[in-house]
Amino acid sequence: MESLTNKGYTCYEEVYAVDNEGTARYADIRAFNPNSNEAYIIDPTVRYESTTQIKLN
């Protein structure tokens, strides 16, 4: 988020919204450029894998 604010965007975290079906949703970050109509909705997903045992040959 810091990189967006450094570029002049106004950012909000954990923004509440309602989708077209009336379901409550939260977006992690919404960033608006106050000098234009440009905006971003950023909702990243971090995935990771783990194994308990790695077999090496």
N, C-alpha and C. Protein backbone atom coordinates (compact mmCIF):
# COMPACT_ATOMS: atom_id res chain seq x y z
N MET A 1 0.82 -1.18 0.00
CA MET A 1 0.00 0.00 0.00
C MET A 1 0.87 1.25 0.00
N GLU A 2 2.01 1.17 0.62
CA GLU A 2 2.91 2.32 0.68
C GLU A 2 3.34 2.77 -0.71
N SER A 3 3.57 1.82 -1.62
CA SER A 3 3.99 2.20 -2.96
C SER A 3 2.88 2.95 -3.70
N LEU A 4 1.63 2.63 -3.42
CA LEU A 4 0.52 3.36 -4.04
C LEU A 4 0.39 4.76 -3.46
N THR A 5 0.49 4.89 -2.15
CA THR A 5 0.39 6.22 -1.55
C THR A 5 1.56 7.11 -1.97
N ASN A 6 2.73 6.51 -2.16
CA ASN A 6 3.88 7.28 -2.65
C ASN A 6 3.65 7.81 -4.06
N LYS A 7 2.79 7.14 -4.83
CA LYS A 7 2.47 7.59 -6.19
C LYS A 7 1.25 8.50 -6.22
N GLY A 8 0.73 8.88 -5.05
CA GLY A 8 -0.36 9.84 -4.98
C GLY A 8 -1.76 9.25 -4.84
N TYR A 9 -1.87 7.94 -4.69
CA TYR A 9 -3.18 7.32 -4.53
C TYR A 9 -3.67 7.46 -3.10
N THR A 10 -4.97 7.59 -2.95
CA THR A 10 -5.61 7.54 -1.65
C THR A 10 -6.06 6.10 -1.45
N CYS A 11 -5.64 5.48 -0.35
CA CYS A 11 -5.89 4.06 -0.13
C CYS A 11 -6.73 3.82 1.11
N TYR A 12 -7.56 2.80 1.02
CA TYR A 12 -8.39 2.35 2.14
C TYR A 12 -8.22 0.85 2.28
N GLU A 13 -8.13 0.37 3.53
CA GLU A 13 -7.97 -1.06 3.80
C GLU A 13 -9.27 -1.66 4.31
N GLU A 14 -9.46 -2.95 4.01
CA GLU A 14 -10.62 -3.73 4.47
C GLU A 14 -11.93 -2.97 4.23
N VAL A 15 -12.17 -2.67 2.96
CA VAL A 15 -13.34 -1.89 2.56
C VAL A 15 -14.56 -2.80 2.43
N TYR A 16 -15.64 -2.42 3.09
CA TYR A 16 -16.90 -3.16 3.03
C TYR A 16 -17.66 -2.77 1.77
N ALA A 17 -18.26 -3.76 1.12
CA ALA A 17 -19.08 -3.51 -0.07
C ALA A 17 -20.16 -4.58 -0.15
N VAL A 18 -21.14 -4.35 -1.00
CA VAL A 18 -22.20 -5.32 -1.26
C VAL A 18 -22.17 -5.62 -2.75
N ASP A 19 -22.12 -6.92 -3.11
CA ASP A 19 -22.07 -7.27 -4.52
C ASP A 19 -23.47 -7.21 -5.15
N ASN A 20 -23.56 -7.55 -6.44
CA ASN A 20 -24.82 -7.46 -7.18
C ASN A 20 -25.91 -8.37 -6.63
N GLU A 21 -25.52 -9.40 -5.89
CA GLU A 21 -26.50 -10.34 -5.33
C GLU A 21 -26.86 -10.00 -3.88
N GLY A 22 -26.34 -8.89 -3.38
CA GLY A 22 -26.65 -8.46 -2.03
C GLY A 22 -25.80 -9.08 -0.94
N THR A 23 -24.72 -9.76 -1.34
CA THR A 23 -23.83 -10.41 -0.38
C THR A 23 -22.75 -9.43 0.09
N ALA A 24 -22.48 -9.43 1.38
CA ALA A 24 -21.44 -8.56 1.94
C ALA A 24 -20.07 -9.07 1.51
N ARG A 25 -19.22 -8.17 1.09
CA ARG A 25 -17.86 -8.49 0.66
C ARG A 25 -16.89 -7.49 1.26
N TYR A 26 -15.65 -7.93 1.41
CA TYR A 26 -14.58 -7.04 1.85
C TYR A 26 -13.45 -7.12 0.84
N ALA A 27 -12.93 -5.98 0.44
CA ALA A 27 -11.74 -5.93 -0.41
C ALA A 27 -10.58 -5.49 0.47
N ASP A 28 -9.42 -6.09 0.26
CA ASP A 28 -8.27 -5.76 1.10
C ASP A 28 -7.84 -4.31 0.95
N ILE A 29 -7.73 -3.85 -0.30
CA ILE A 29 -7.27 -2.47 -0.53
C ILE A 29 -8.07 -1.88 -1.69
N ARG A 30 -8.51 -0.64 -1.52
CA ARG A 30 -9.04 0.15 -2.63
C ARG A 30 -8.18 1.39 -2.73
N ALA A 31 -7.70 1.64 -3.93
CA ALA A 31 -6.80 2.77 -4.16
C ALA A 31 -7.39 3.67 -5.24
N PHE A 32 -7.51 4.95 -4.94
CA PHE A 32 -8.08 5.93 -5.85
C PHE A 32 -7.05 6.98 -6.20
N ASN A 33 -7.00 7.34 -7.47
CA ASN A 33 -6.18 8.46 -7.89
C ASN A 33 -7.07 9.69 -7.81
N PRO A 34 -6.79 10.61 -6.88
CA PRO A 34 -7.68 11.77 -6.70
C PRO A 34 -7.68 12.74 -7.88
N ASN A 35 -6.73 12.59 -8.80
CA ASN A 35 -6.64 13.50 -9.95
C ASN A 35 -7.25 12.91 -11.22
N SER A 36 -7.88 11.74 -11.12
CA SER A 36 -8.48 11.12 -12.30
C SER A 36 -9.60 10.18 -11.87
N ASN A 37 -10.17 9.47 -12.83
CA ASN A 37 -11.20 8.46 -12.54
C ASN A 37 -10.58 7.09 -12.31
N GLU A 38 -9.27 7.02 -12.20
CA GLU A 38 -8.57 5.75 -12.05
C GLU A 38 -8.65 5.23 -10.62
N ALA A 39 -8.96 3.94 -10.50
CA ALA A 39 -9.03 3.30 -9.18
C ALA A 39 -8.69 1.82 -9.32
N TYR A 40 -8.22 1.24 -8.23
CA TYR A 40 -7.88 -0.18 -8.19
C TYR A 40 -8.54 -0.83 -6.98
N ILE A 41 -9.02 -2.05 -7.18
CA ILE A 41 -9.46 -2.90 -6.07
C ILE A 41 -8.46 -4.04 -6.00
N ILE A 42 -7.77 -4.14 -4.89
CA ILE A 42 -6.70 -5.13 -4.74
C ILE A 42 -7.09 -6.10 -3.63
N ASP A 43 -7.21 -7.37 -3.99
CA ASP A 43 -7.63 -8.39 -3.03
C ASP A 43 -6.77 -9.63 -3.26
N PRO A 44 -5.51 -9.58 -2.85
CA PRO A 44 -4.59 -10.68 -3.16
C PRO A 44 -4.89 -11.95 -2.35
N THR A 45 -4.53 -13.06 -2.95
CA THR A 45 -4.59 -14.35 -2.27
C THR A 45 -3.18 -14.91 -2.24
N VAL A 46 -2.73 -15.28 -1.07
CA VAL A 46 -1.39 -15.86 -0.93
C VAL A 46 -1.57 -17.36 -0.71
N ARG A 47 -0.96 -18.14 -1.59
CA ARG A 47 -1.04 -19.59 -1.47
C ARG A 47 0.33 -20.15 -1.16
N TYR A 48 0.32 -21.20 -0.42
CA TYR A 48 1.59 -21.86 -0.13
C TYR A 48 1.34 -23.35 -0.05
N GLU A 49 2.40 -24.09 -0.26
CA GLU A 49 2.34 -25.54 -0.17
C GLU A 49 3.36 -25.99 0.85
N SER A 50 3.05 -27.06 1.52
CA SER A 50 4.01 -27.62 2.45
C SER A 50 3.89 -29.14 2.40
N THR A 51 4.99 -29.78 2.67
CA THR A 51 5.00 -31.23 2.76
C THR A 51 5.73 -31.60 4.04
N THR A 52 5.35 -32.70 4.63
CA THR A 52 6.01 -33.11 5.86
C THR A 52 7.29 -33.88 5.58
N GLN A 53 7.41 -34.38 4.36
CA GLN A 53 8.60 -35.15 4.04
C GLN A 53 8.96 -34.93 2.58
N ILE A 54 10.21 -34.65 2.34
CA ILE A 54 10.71 -34.49 0.98
C ILE A 54 11.67 -35.63 0.71
N LYS A 55 11.41 -36.37 -0.34
CA LYS A 55 12.23 -37.53 -0.66
C LYS A 55 13.30 -37.11 -1.67
N LEU A 56 14.56 -37.26 -1.31
CA LEU A 56 15.67 -36.95 -2.19
C LEU A 56 16.33 -38.24 -2.67
N ASN A 57 16.64 -38.30 -3.94
CA ASN A 57 17.31 -39.50 -4.48
C ASN A 57 18.80 -39.31 -4.52
